[in-house]
Protein backbone atom coordinates (compact mmCIF):
# COMPACT_ATOMS: atom_id res chain seq x y z
CA MET A 1 -49.90 -229.17 40.47
CA SER A 2 -52.13 -226.02 39.84
CA ARG A 3 -54.06 -224.09 42.29
CA SER A 4 -57.17 -225.89 41.01
CA SER A 5 -56.05 -229.34 42.31
CA PHE A 6 -58.78 -229.39 44.90
CA GLU A 7 -61.29 -228.62 42.13
CA SER A 8 -60.28 -231.87 40.28
CA SER A 9 -60.05 -233.74 43.55
CA PHE A 10 -63.72 -232.88 44.43
CA SER A 11 -64.84 -233.62 40.84
CA GLN A 12 -63.25 -237.05 41.19
CA TYR A 13 -64.84 -237.26 44.65
CA VAL A 14 -68.36 -236.47 43.25
CA SER A 15 -67.96 -238.78 40.36
CA GLY A 16 -66.36 -241.76 42.09
CA HIS A 17 -67.24 -241.03 45.74
CA ARG A 18 -71.04 -241.40 45.70
CA ARG A 19 -71.67 -242.97 48.91
CA PHE A 20 -75.14 -241.77 48.92
CA PRO A 21 -77.94 -243.14 46.85
CA SER A 22 -80.50 -240.92 45.02
CA SER A 23 -83.13 -239.20 46.86
CA ASP A 24 -85.78 -241.81 45.73
CA SER A 25 -84.06 -244.73 47.29
CA VAL A 26 -82.61 -243.04 50.37
CA ALA A 27 -85.53 -244.49 52.49
CA ASN A 28 -84.91 -248.03 51.50
CA LEU A 29 -81.16 -248.13 52.11
CA SER A 30 -78.99 -247.97 55.25
CA ILE A 31 -76.27 -245.55 55.45
CA ARG A 32 -73.82 -248.31 56.30
CA SER A 33 -74.44 -250.04 53.01
CA ARG A 34 -73.04 -247.29 50.90
CA SER A 35 -69.97 -247.67 48.87
CA ARG A 36 -67.03 -245.99 50.36
CA THR A 37 -64.88 -245.65 47.28
CA LEU A 38 -62.89 -242.39 47.99
CA SER A 39 -61.80 -240.12 45.30
CA PHE A 40 -58.16 -240.90 45.96
CA ARG A 41 -58.34 -244.55 45.74
CA SER A 42 -58.33 -244.49 41.97
CA ARG A 43 -55.18 -242.19 41.89
CA ASN A 44 -53.50 -244.58 44.30
CA SER A 45 -54.16 -247.67 42.25
CA ALA A 46 -52.97 -245.79 38.94
CA ARG A 47 -49.78 -244.86 40.75
CA GLY A 48 -49.24 -248.31 42.12
CA SER A 49 -49.69 -249.98 38.77
CA GLY A 50 -47.05 -247.68 37.10
CA SER A 51 -44.41 -248.12 39.91
CA SER A 52 -41.41 -250.23 39.61
CA THR A 53 -40.95 -253.51 41.52
CA THR A 54 -37.32 -253.28 41.76
CA GLY A 55 -35.90 -253.31 45.35
CA LYS A 56 -32.69 -251.35 45.13
CA PRO A 57 -31.73 -248.86 42.46
CA GLY A 58 -28.52 -249.66 40.54
CA LEU A 59 -25.34 -247.73 40.69
CA SER A 60 -25.33 -244.62 38.54
CA PHE A 61 -22.82 -242.06 37.56
CA SER A 62 -24.86 -239.29 39.11
CA SER A 63 -23.93 -240.83 42.70
CA LEU A 64 -20.47 -240.20 41.94
CA ARG A 65 -20.73 -236.43 40.78
CA GLY A 66 -20.05 -235.00 44.16
CA THR A 67 -16.40 -236.30 44.08
CA VAL A 68 -15.57 -234.60 40.76
CA GLN A 69 -17.11 -231.20 41.32
CA PRO A 70 -15.03 -228.06 41.07
CA GLU A 71 -14.05 -226.53 44.34
CA LEU A 72 -16.12 -223.37 43.55
CA SER A 73 -19.44 -225.36 43.01
CA ARG A 74 -19.04 -228.05 45.61
CA LYS A 75 -20.89 -226.40 48.52
CA LEU A 76 -23.78 -225.48 46.31
CA PHE A 77 -23.83 -229.06 44.76
CA LYS A 78 -24.10 -230.43 48.27
CA LEU A 79 -26.87 -227.96 49.16
CA ILE A 80 -28.85 -228.89 46.09
CA LYS A 81 -28.39 -232.65 46.84
CA SER A 82 -29.97 -231.90 50.50
CA GLU A 83 -32.88 -230.10 48.79
CA ASN A 84 -33.57 -233.22 46.83
CA ASN A 85 -33.83 -235.10 50.07
CA LEU A 86 -36.19 -232.50 51.41
CA VAL A 87 -38.29 -232.68 48.15
CA SER A 88 -38.52 -236.60 48.70
CA ALA A 89 -39.50 -236.06 52.23
CA HIS A 90 -42.52 -233.73 51.39
CA GLU A 91 -43.39 -236.22 48.74
CA ALA A 92 -43.41 -239.11 51.25
CA ALA A 93 -45.58 -236.90 53.69
CA GLY A 94 -47.92 -236.25 51.02
CA ARG A 95 -48.40 -239.97 50.39
CA GLU A 96 -48.52 -240.87 54.05
CA ARG A 97 -51.39 -238.32 54.61
CA VAL A 98 -53.41 -239.71 51.62
CA SER A 99 -52.81 -243.31 52.94
CA ILE A 100 -53.99 -242.15 56.48
CA ALA A 101 -57.07 -240.61 54.91
CA GLN A 102 -58.04 -243.76 53.33
CA GLN A 103 -57.57 -245.86 56.32
CA LEU A 104 -59.54 -243.57 58.23
CA SER A 105 -62.56 -243.91 55.85
CA GLU A 106 -62.30 -247.57 55.78
CA TRP A 107 -62.31 -247.70 59.54
CA GLY A 108 -65.29 -245.51 59.86
CA GLU A 109 -67.31 -247.79 57.50
CA HIS A 110 -67.01 -250.65 59.95
CA THR A 111 -67.74 -248.91 63.21
CA GLY A 112 -71.50 -249.49 62.66
CA ASP A 113 -72.22 -245.76 63.52
CA ASP A 114 -73.87 -243.76 60.74
CA ALA A 115 -72.48 -240.46 61.94
CA ILE A 116 -68.92 -241.71 62.28
CA ASN A 117 -69.53 -243.51 58.95
CA ASP A 118 -70.05 -240.21 57.17
CA ILE A 119 -67.94 -237.72 58.99
CA SER A 120 -64.98 -240.11 58.80
CA ASP A 121 -65.34 -240.17 55.03
CA LYS A 122 -65.59 -236.54 54.61
CA ILE A 123 -62.58 -235.86 56.91
CA GLY A 124 -60.74 -238.35 54.75
CA VAL A 125 -61.41 -236.22 51.71
CA ILE A 126 -60.07 -233.12 53.60
CA LEU A 127 -56.88 -235.01 54.78
CA SER A 128 -56.48 -236.57 51.25
CA GLU A 129 -56.55 -232.93 49.74
CA MET A 130 -53.91 -231.96 52.44
CA GLY A 131 -51.67 -234.62 51.10
CA GLU A 132 -52.13 -233.35 47.52
CA GLN A 133 -51.11 -229.96 48.79
CA GLU A 134 -47.98 -231.33 50.53
CA ASP A 135 -47.22 -233.00 47.12
CA THR A 136 -47.74 -229.61 45.27
CA TYR A 137 -45.37 -228.02 47.62
CA ALA A 138 -42.64 -230.56 46.90
CA HIS A 139 -43.03 -229.88 43.31
CA ALA A 140 -42.61 -226.14 44.11
CA LEU A 141 -39.37 -226.87 46.19
CA ASP A 142 -38.00 -228.95 43.17
CA ASP A 143 -38.62 -226.00 40.96
CA SER A 144 -36.81 -223.71 43.30
CA ARG A 145 -33.80 -226.16 43.49
CA GLY A 146 -33.75 -226.08 39.69
CA ILE A 147 -33.18 -222.42 39.88
CA LEU A 148 -30.26 -222.94 42.18
CA LYS A 149 -28.72 -225.15 39.70
CA THR A 150 -28.16 -222.26 37.36
CA ILE A 151 -25.85 -220.79 39.88
CA ARG A 152 -24.01 -224.05 40.41
CA ASN A 153 -23.48 -224.31 36.59
CA THR A 154 -22.36 -220.84 36.37
CA GLU A 155 -19.78 -221.51 39.26
CA LYS A 156 -18.57 -224.60 37.28
CA SER A 157 -17.99 -222.60 34.18
CA VAL A 158 -16.10 -219.79 36.12
CA GLN A 159 -13.77 -222.25 37.80
CA PRO A 160 -11.70 -222.97 34.66
CA SER A 161 -11.06 -219.26 33.97
CA ARG A 162 -9.75 -218.91 37.61
CA ASP A 163 -7.50 -221.98 37.24
CA GLY A 164 -6.13 -220.67 33.91
CA LYS A 165 -5.26 -217.31 35.46
CA SER A 166 -3.64 -218.86 38.41
CA LYS A 167 -1.72 -221.30 36.22
CA VAL A 168 -0.32 -218.49 34.09
CA ALA A 169 0.66 -216.36 37.21
CA ASP A 170 2.53 -219.50 38.65
CA GLU A 171 4.40 -220.07 35.47
CA ILE A 172 5.50 -216.43 35.37
CA GLN A 173 6.65 -216.55 39.01
CA LYS A 174 8.69 -219.69 38.48
CA LEU A 175 10.16 -218.32 35.23
CA LYS A 176 11.31 -215.27 36.97
CA LEU A 177 13.01 -217.16 39.43
CA LYS A 178 14.75 -219.47 37.03
CA GLU A 179 15.33 -217.17 34.00
CA PRO A 180 14.65 -213.43 34.86
CA GLU A 181 15.66 -212.44 31.35
CA SER A 182 13.62 -215.05 29.33
CA PRO A 183 11.83 -213.81 26.29
CA ARG A 184 8.98 -216.10 27.22
CA LEU A 185 8.13 -213.74 30.19
CA VAL A 186 6.66 -211.26 27.62
CA VAL A 187 4.46 -213.84 26.03
CA LEU A 188 3.28 -215.13 29.42
CA GLU A 189 2.54 -211.72 30.79
CA GLN A 190 0.33 -211.08 27.58
CA GLU A 191 -1.43 -214.40 28.30
CA LEU A 192 -1.97 -213.38 31.77
CA ILE A 193 -3.54 -210.13 30.68
CA ARG A 194 -5.91 -212.04 28.48
CA ALA A 195 -6.74 -214.52 31.32
CA GLU A 196 -7.45 -211.72 33.79
CA ALA A 197 -9.84 -210.18 31.26
CA GLU A 198 -11.75 -213.31 30.47
CA ASN A 199 -11.90 -214.13 34.33
CA LEU A 200 -13.02 -210.51 35.03
CA VAL A 201 -15.93 -211.18 32.58
CA ALA A 202 -16.74 -214.51 34.12
CA GLU A 203 -16.74 -213.22 37.59
CA ALA A 204 -19.14 -210.22 36.66
CA GLN A 205 -21.39 -212.90 35.09
CA LEU A 206 -21.34 -215.18 38.16
CA THR A 207 -22.12 -212.40 40.71
CA ASN A 208 -24.95 -211.14 38.55
CA ILE A 209 -26.57 -214.58 38.07
CA THR A 210 -25.95 -215.42 41.81
CA ARG A 211 -27.90 -212.46 42.95
CA GLN A 212 -30.78 -212.93 40.47
CA LYS A 213 -31.30 -216.59 40.77
CA LEU A 214 -30.80 -216.68 44.51
CA LYS A 215 -33.55 -214.09 44.94
CA GLU A 216 -35.69 -215.81 42.32
CA ALA A 217 -35.36 -219.40 43.92
CA TYR A 218 -36.14 -218.31 47.57
CA ALA A 219 -38.91 -216.07 46.29
CA ALA A 220 -40.52 -218.99 44.76
CA GLU A 221 -40.05 -221.17 47.79
CA PHE A 222 -41.44 -218.63 50.26
CA ALA A 223 -44.59 -218.03 48.00
CA ALA A 224 -45.09 -221.81 47.83
CA THR A 225 -44.72 -222.08 51.56
CA ILE A 226 -47.27 -219.30 52.21
CA GLU A 227 -49.74 -220.94 49.73
CA ARG A 228 -49.49 -224.37 51.28
CA ALA A 229 -49.80 -222.81 54.74
CA GLU A 230 -52.87 -220.79 53.88
CA LYS A 231 -54.58 -223.67 51.97
CA GLN A 232 -53.98 -226.14 54.72
CA ILE A 233 -55.53 -223.67 57.19
CA ILE A 234 -58.57 -223.35 54.89
CA LEU A 235 -58.91 -227.08 54.97
CA ALA A 236 -58.19 -227.45 58.70
CA LYS A 237 -60.90 -224.97 59.47
CA HIS A 238 -63.47 -226.77 57.23
CA GLY A 239 -62.37 -229.99 58.97
CA ARG A 240 -63.16 -228.58 62.24
CA ARG A 241 -66.64 -227.64 60.85
CA LEU A 242 -67.28 -231.33 60.11
CA LEU A 243 -66.29 -232.13 63.61
CA THR A 244 -69.02 -230.07 64.99
CA LEU A 245 -71.64 -232.34 63.19
CA LEU A 246 -70.57 -235.10 65.36
CA ASP A 247 -72.61 -235.38 68.51
CA ASP A 248 -70.33 -236.62 71.27
CA SER A 249 -72.68 -236.26 74.23
CA PRO A 250 -72.65 -239.33 76.43
CA VAL A 251 -75.73 -241.65 76.31
CA VAL A 252 -77.02 -243.63 79.10
CA PRO A 253 -76.77 -247.42 78.61
CA GLY A 254 -79.94 -248.45 77.01
CA ASP A 255 -80.78 -245.30 75.43
CA VAL A 256 -80.89 -244.84 71.65
CA ARG A 257 -78.86 -241.91 70.29
CA VAL A 258 -80.61 -239.52 67.99
CA ALA A 259 -80.45 -240.56 64.34
CA TYR A 260 -77.72 -238.75 62.26
CA SER A 261 -79.14 -236.28 59.86
CA ASP A 262 -76.40 -234.03 58.93
CA SER A 263 -75.11 -235.63 55.61
CA ALA A 264 -76.30 -232.81 53.47
CA GLN A 265 -74.70 -230.26 55.69
CA ALA A 266 -71.45 -232.28 55.55
CA ARG A 267 -71.46 -232.45 51.78
CA GLN A 268 -72.03 -228.55 51.86
CA ILE A 269 -68.98 -228.02 53.96
CA LEU A 270 -66.89 -229.91 51.41
CA ASN A 271 -68.38 -227.60 48.76
CA ASP A 272 -67.40 -224.65 50.68
CA ALA A 273 -63.84 -225.85 51.12
CA GLU A 274 -63.73 -226.35 47.23
CA ASP A 275 -64.95 -222.85 46.76
CA ASP A 276 -62.49 -221.36 49.24
CA LEU A 277 -59.52 -223.05 47.70
CA ARG A 278 -60.67 -222.14 44.14
CA ASP A 279 -61.04 -218.48 45.15
CA TRP A 280 -57.64 -218.30 47.01
CA GLN A 281 -55.27 -215.80 45.76
CA PRO A 282 -51.89 -214.85 46.81
CA GLU A 283 -51.69 -211.48 48.67
CA ALA A 284 -49.90 -208.50 47.15
CA GLU A 285 -46.35 -208.05 48.61
CA GLY A 286 -45.50 -205.03 50.25
CA GLY A 287 -46.39 -205.58 53.90
CA PHE A 288 -42.80 -206.20 54.94
CA ALA A 289 -41.08 -203.04 53.48
CA THR A 290 -37.92 -202.04 55.24
CA PRO A 291 -37.29 -198.48 56.32
CA PRO A 292 -34.93 -196.55 54.07
CA ILE A 293 -31.31 -196.34 55.41
CA GLN A 294 -30.24 -192.67 56.32
CA SER A 295 -26.97 -191.38 55.45
CA PRO A 296 -24.86 -189.72 58.12
CA THR A 297 -25.37 -186.25 56.45
CA SER A 298 -29.14 -186.56 56.50
CA ALA A 299 -29.04 -187.77 60.11
CA SER A 300 -26.92 -184.85 61.08
CA VAL A 301 -29.24 -182.53 59.31
CA LYS A 302 -32.24 -184.00 60.98
CA GLY A 303 -30.49 -183.65 64.30
CA LYS A 304 -29.71 -180.04 63.65
CA SER A 305 -33.34 -179.31 62.50
CA LYS A 306 -34.65 -180.95 65.76
CA GLU A 307 -32.24 -178.67 67.77
CA SER A 308 -33.41 -175.60 65.95
CA GLU A 309 -37.03 -176.72 66.85
CA VAL A 310 -36.22 -177.16 70.46
CA GLY A 311 -34.50 -173.75 70.57
CA ASP A 312 -37.63 -172.19 68.78
CA ALA A 313 -39.88 -173.78 71.42
CA GLU A 314 -37.86 -172.63 74.32
CA SER A 315 -37.83 -169.02 73.04
CA ILE A 316 -41.61 -169.05 72.56
CA HIS A 317 -41.95 -170.47 75.97
CA THR A 318 -39.65 -167.62 77.57
CA GLU A 319 -41.62 -165.04 75.60
CA THR A 320 -44.97 -166.34 76.96
CA LYS A 321 -43.44 -166.12 80.47
CA ALA A 322 -42.23 -162.56 80.18
CA PRO A 323 -45.71 -160.90 80.19
CA ALA A 324 -46.65 -162.96 83.22
CA ILE A 325 -43.53 -161.86 85.05
CA ALA A 326 -44.05 -158.11 84.28
CA GLU A 327 -47.74 -158.34 85.26
CA SER A 328 -46.63 -159.98 88.59
CA SER A 329 -44.04 -157.09 89.22
CA ARG A 330 -46.77 -154.45 88.63
CA THR A 331 -49.07 -156.02 91.15
CA THR A 332 -46.34 -156.01 93.81
CA GLU A 333 -45.52 -152.32 93.18
CA VAL A 334 -49.18 -151.46 93.48
CA ALA A 335 -49.58 -153.36 96.74
CA GLY A 336 -46.29 -151.50 98.03
């Protein structure tokens, strides 16, 4: 999902979440009689209609891949499988957040309190967008996981060259023990040279791809983590602004609480949240630069320069002391 997901969420909220009648008919309607159709309900119904009704997934060959992975790529294969579980967990968390937002909105409608009715609905929209951000983060994790698959596939392609080189080397050793003068040794040694050359190229490709894709995968994951955190902070702060509109001062039994009149301000808070999310930009990297590593020679040179500076300072200090000592000796001679 793109960074403008909140804009689309709010556009749906504006079009399908009109709990407020027009200004001409506000005086004739009670706030509790408004429609409480949240913007995320239509999305939930659309998802539910396209979901499968089967209870358990059938057995697939993909579940058996872990047993046939080459030794070189087996560990990374397990890591990628675990990443898939993490992606599913974040997707489930996003769905639960949206479901909770809907339940909060429906509960507030039946409280009979105009303020709770409106504030709970607006908070439901904030929570719903938090769930959408969680879903966006899950997609970013899945993209990062896809980058790691490039390393795994390269490891799988390198394993045959390693096995081929080891196989030829083992044949040479066995043949040397059985027939040291066999003419086949020359052929096998030439095959070993070719196998070593092929493996050398494959190993170089593996180390290059591993470094590049590892850096790329986790750079994308960390960037997505920062985006998710900062956008959820934005949403949480505007959610706290909504809470300030709810008067929680106690009332004496029999008294009537002041009528709620902050619905327009609550809508403006949602608009502010939309604007802040739309204007969000990732910060430029460079705040975490590591200091350059000094070589031993540069460190020794710097140490010598410090010693020379200390020596110069001491010589200057003694020179400044000398006139004072001479002056004091003169005063003692005059006094004598």
